[in-house]
């Protein structure tokens, strides 16, 4: 496709710069973002 990035597995975004890997968002209790948000591009985004 012209002018459209085809991302490698585990990456997304218009420039394929957003990782789908959630390991950096994993809390010690085993919950993503300690159960208080979502993991976007490897960073927790709080929902409260």
N, C-alpha and C. Protein backbone atom coordinates (compact mmCIF):
# COMPACT_ATOMS: atom_id res chain seq x y z
N UNK A 1 0.85 -1.18 0.00
CA UNK A 1 0.00 0.00 0.00
C UNK A 1 0.89 1.24 0.00
N UNK A 2 0.53 2.21 -0.76
CA UNK A 2 1.28 3.45 -0.81
C UNK A 2 0.97 4.34 0.39
N UNK A 3 2.01 4.88 0.97
CA UNK A 3 1.90 5.85 2.07
C UNK A 3 1.18 5.31 3.30
N UNK A 4 1.16 4.01 3.47
CA UNK A 4 0.56 3.39 4.65
C UNK A 4 1.59 2.44 5.24
N UNK A 5 1.92 2.63 6.51
CA UNK A 5 2.88 1.74 7.16
C UNK A 5 2.25 0.37 7.38
N UNK A 6 3.02 -0.67 7.13
CA UNK A 6 2.62 -2.02 7.48
C UNK A 6 3.47 -2.40 8.68
N UNK A 7 2.85 -2.40 9.84
CA UNK A 7 3.58 -2.58 11.09
C UNK A 7 4.03 -4.02 11.30
N UNK A 8 5.16 -4.15 11.98
CA UNK A 8 5.62 -5.46 12.44
C UNK A 8 4.65 -5.94 13.52
N UNK A 9 4.63 -7.26 13.76
CA UNK A 9 3.77 -7.77 14.83
C UNK A 9 4.08 -7.06 16.15
N UNK A 10 3.09 -6.85 16.95
CA UNK A 10 3.19 -6.20 18.26
C UNK A 10 3.40 -4.70 18.19
N UNK A 11 3.23 -4.08 17.03
CA UNK A 11 3.30 -2.62 16.91
C UNK A 11 2.10 -2.12 16.14
N UNK A 12 1.66 -0.91 16.47
CA UNK A 12 0.52 -0.30 15.80
C UNK A 12 0.74 1.21 15.75
N UNK A 13 -0.18 1.90 15.16
CA UNK A 13 -0.09 3.35 15.05
C UNK A 13 0.26 3.79 13.64
N UNK A 14 0.05 5.05 13.35
CA UNK A 14 0.28 5.56 12.00
C UNK A 14 1.74 5.45 11.58
N UNK A 15 2.66 5.47 12.56
CA UNK A 15 4.09 5.33 12.26
C UNK A 15 4.66 4.05 12.87
N UNK A 16 3.78 3.12 13.24
CA UNK A 16 4.19 1.84 13.86
C UNK A 16 5.07 2.07 15.09
N UNK A 17 4.80 3.12 15.83
CA UNK A 17 5.62 3.47 16.98
C UNK A 17 4.96 3.15 18.32
N UNK A 18 3.85 2.46 18.29
CA UNK A 18 3.12 2.12 19.50
C UNK A 18 3.19 0.61 19.74
N UNK A 19 3.85 0.22 20.82
CA UNK A 19 4.00 -1.19 21.15
C UNK A 19 2.71 -1.73 21.75
N UNK A 20 2.34 -2.93 21.35
CA UNK A 20 1.18 -3.61 21.93
C UNK A 20 1.58 -4.44 23.14
N UNK A 21 2.87 -4.51 23.45
CA UNK A 21 3.37 -5.27 24.58
C UNK A 21 2.93 -4.59 25.88
N UNK A 22 2.33 -5.34 26.77
CA UNK A 22 1.82 -4.77 28.02
C UNK A 22 2.72 -5.08 29.22
N UNK A 23 3.88 -5.70 29.01
CA UNK A 23 4.73 -6.08 30.13
C UNK A 23 5.20 -4.87 30.94
N UNK A 24 5.40 -3.73 30.31
CA UNK A 24 5.84 -2.54 31.05
C UNK A 24 4.71 -1.95 31.90
N UNK A 25 3.49 -2.39 31.70
CA UNK A 25 2.34 -1.91 32.46
C UNK A 25 1.92 -2.88 33.56
N UNK A 26 2.63 -4.00 33.67
CA UNK A 26 2.24 -5.03 34.63
C UNK A 26 2.68 -4.65 36.04
N UNK A 27 1.74 -4.64 36.96
CA UNK A 27 2.03 -4.34 38.36
C UNK A 27 2.51 -5.61 39.07
N UNK A 28 3.07 -5.43 40.25
CA UNK A 28 3.59 -6.55 41.03
C UNK A 28 2.49 -7.56 41.36
N UNK A 29 1.24 -7.11 41.43
CA UNK A 29 0.14 -8.01 41.76
C UNK A 29 -0.37 -8.77 40.54
N UNK A 30 0.25 -8.57 39.38
CA UNK A 30 -0.12 -9.29 38.18
C UNK A 30 -1.21 -8.63 37.35
N UNK A 31 -1.71 -7.50 37.81
CA UNK A 31 -2.74 -6.79 37.06
C UNK A 31 -2.11 -5.72 36.18
N UNK A 32 -2.71 -5.49 35.03
CA UNK A 32 -2.24 -4.41 34.16
C UNK A 32 -2.63 -3.08 34.79
N UNK A 33 -1.67 -2.20 34.93
CA UNK A 33 -1.87 -0.86 35.50
C UNK A 33 -2.52 -0.92 36.88
N UNK A 34 -2.22 -1.97 37.61
CA UNK A 34 -2.73 -2.17 38.96
C UNK A 34 -4.26 -2.15 39.01
N UNK A 35 -4.88 -2.48 37.86
CA UNK A 35 -6.34 -2.51 37.80
C UNK A 35 -6.99 -1.15 37.77
N UNK A 36 -6.20 -0.09 37.54
CA UNK A 36 -6.74 1.27 37.60
C UNK A 36 -6.66 2.02 36.28
N UNK A 37 -6.43 1.30 35.20
CA UNK A 37 -6.33 1.97 33.91
C UNK A 37 -6.08 0.98 32.80
N UNK A 38 -5.64 1.50 31.67
CA UNK A 38 -5.34 0.68 30.50
C UNK A 38 -3.92 0.96 30.05
N UNK A 39 -3.35 -0.01 29.37
CA UNK A 39 -2.00 0.12 28.85
C UNK A 39 -2.08 0.57 27.39
N UNK A 40 -1.55 1.75 27.10
CA UNK A 40 -1.53 2.28 25.74
C UNK A 40 -0.09 2.59 25.37
N UNK A 41 0.40 1.93 24.35
CA UNK A 41 1.77 2.15 23.87
C UNK A 41 2.80 1.92 24.97
N UNK A 42 2.54 0.95 25.83
CA UNK A 42 3.48 0.60 26.88
C UNK A 42 3.45 1.51 28.09
N UNK A 43 2.44 2.37 28.19
CA UNK A 43 2.31 3.32 29.30
C UNK A 43 0.90 3.22 29.87
N UNK A 44 0.81 3.23 31.20
CA UNK A 44 -0.50 3.18 31.85
C UNK A 44 -1.22 4.52 31.71
N UNK A 45 -2.49 4.43 31.37
CA UNK A 45 -3.38 5.60 31.32
C UNK A 45 -4.47 5.35 32.33
N UNK A 46 -4.49 6.15 33.39
CA UNK A 46 -5.47 5.96 34.47
C UNK A 46 -6.87 6.31 34.00
N UNK A 47 -7.85 5.59 34.57
CA UNK A 47 -9.24 5.81 34.19
C UNK A 47 -10.03 6.55 35.26
N UNK A 48 -9.40 6.87 36.38
CA UNK A 48 -10.16 7.55 37.44
C UNK A 48 -9.96 9.03 37.47
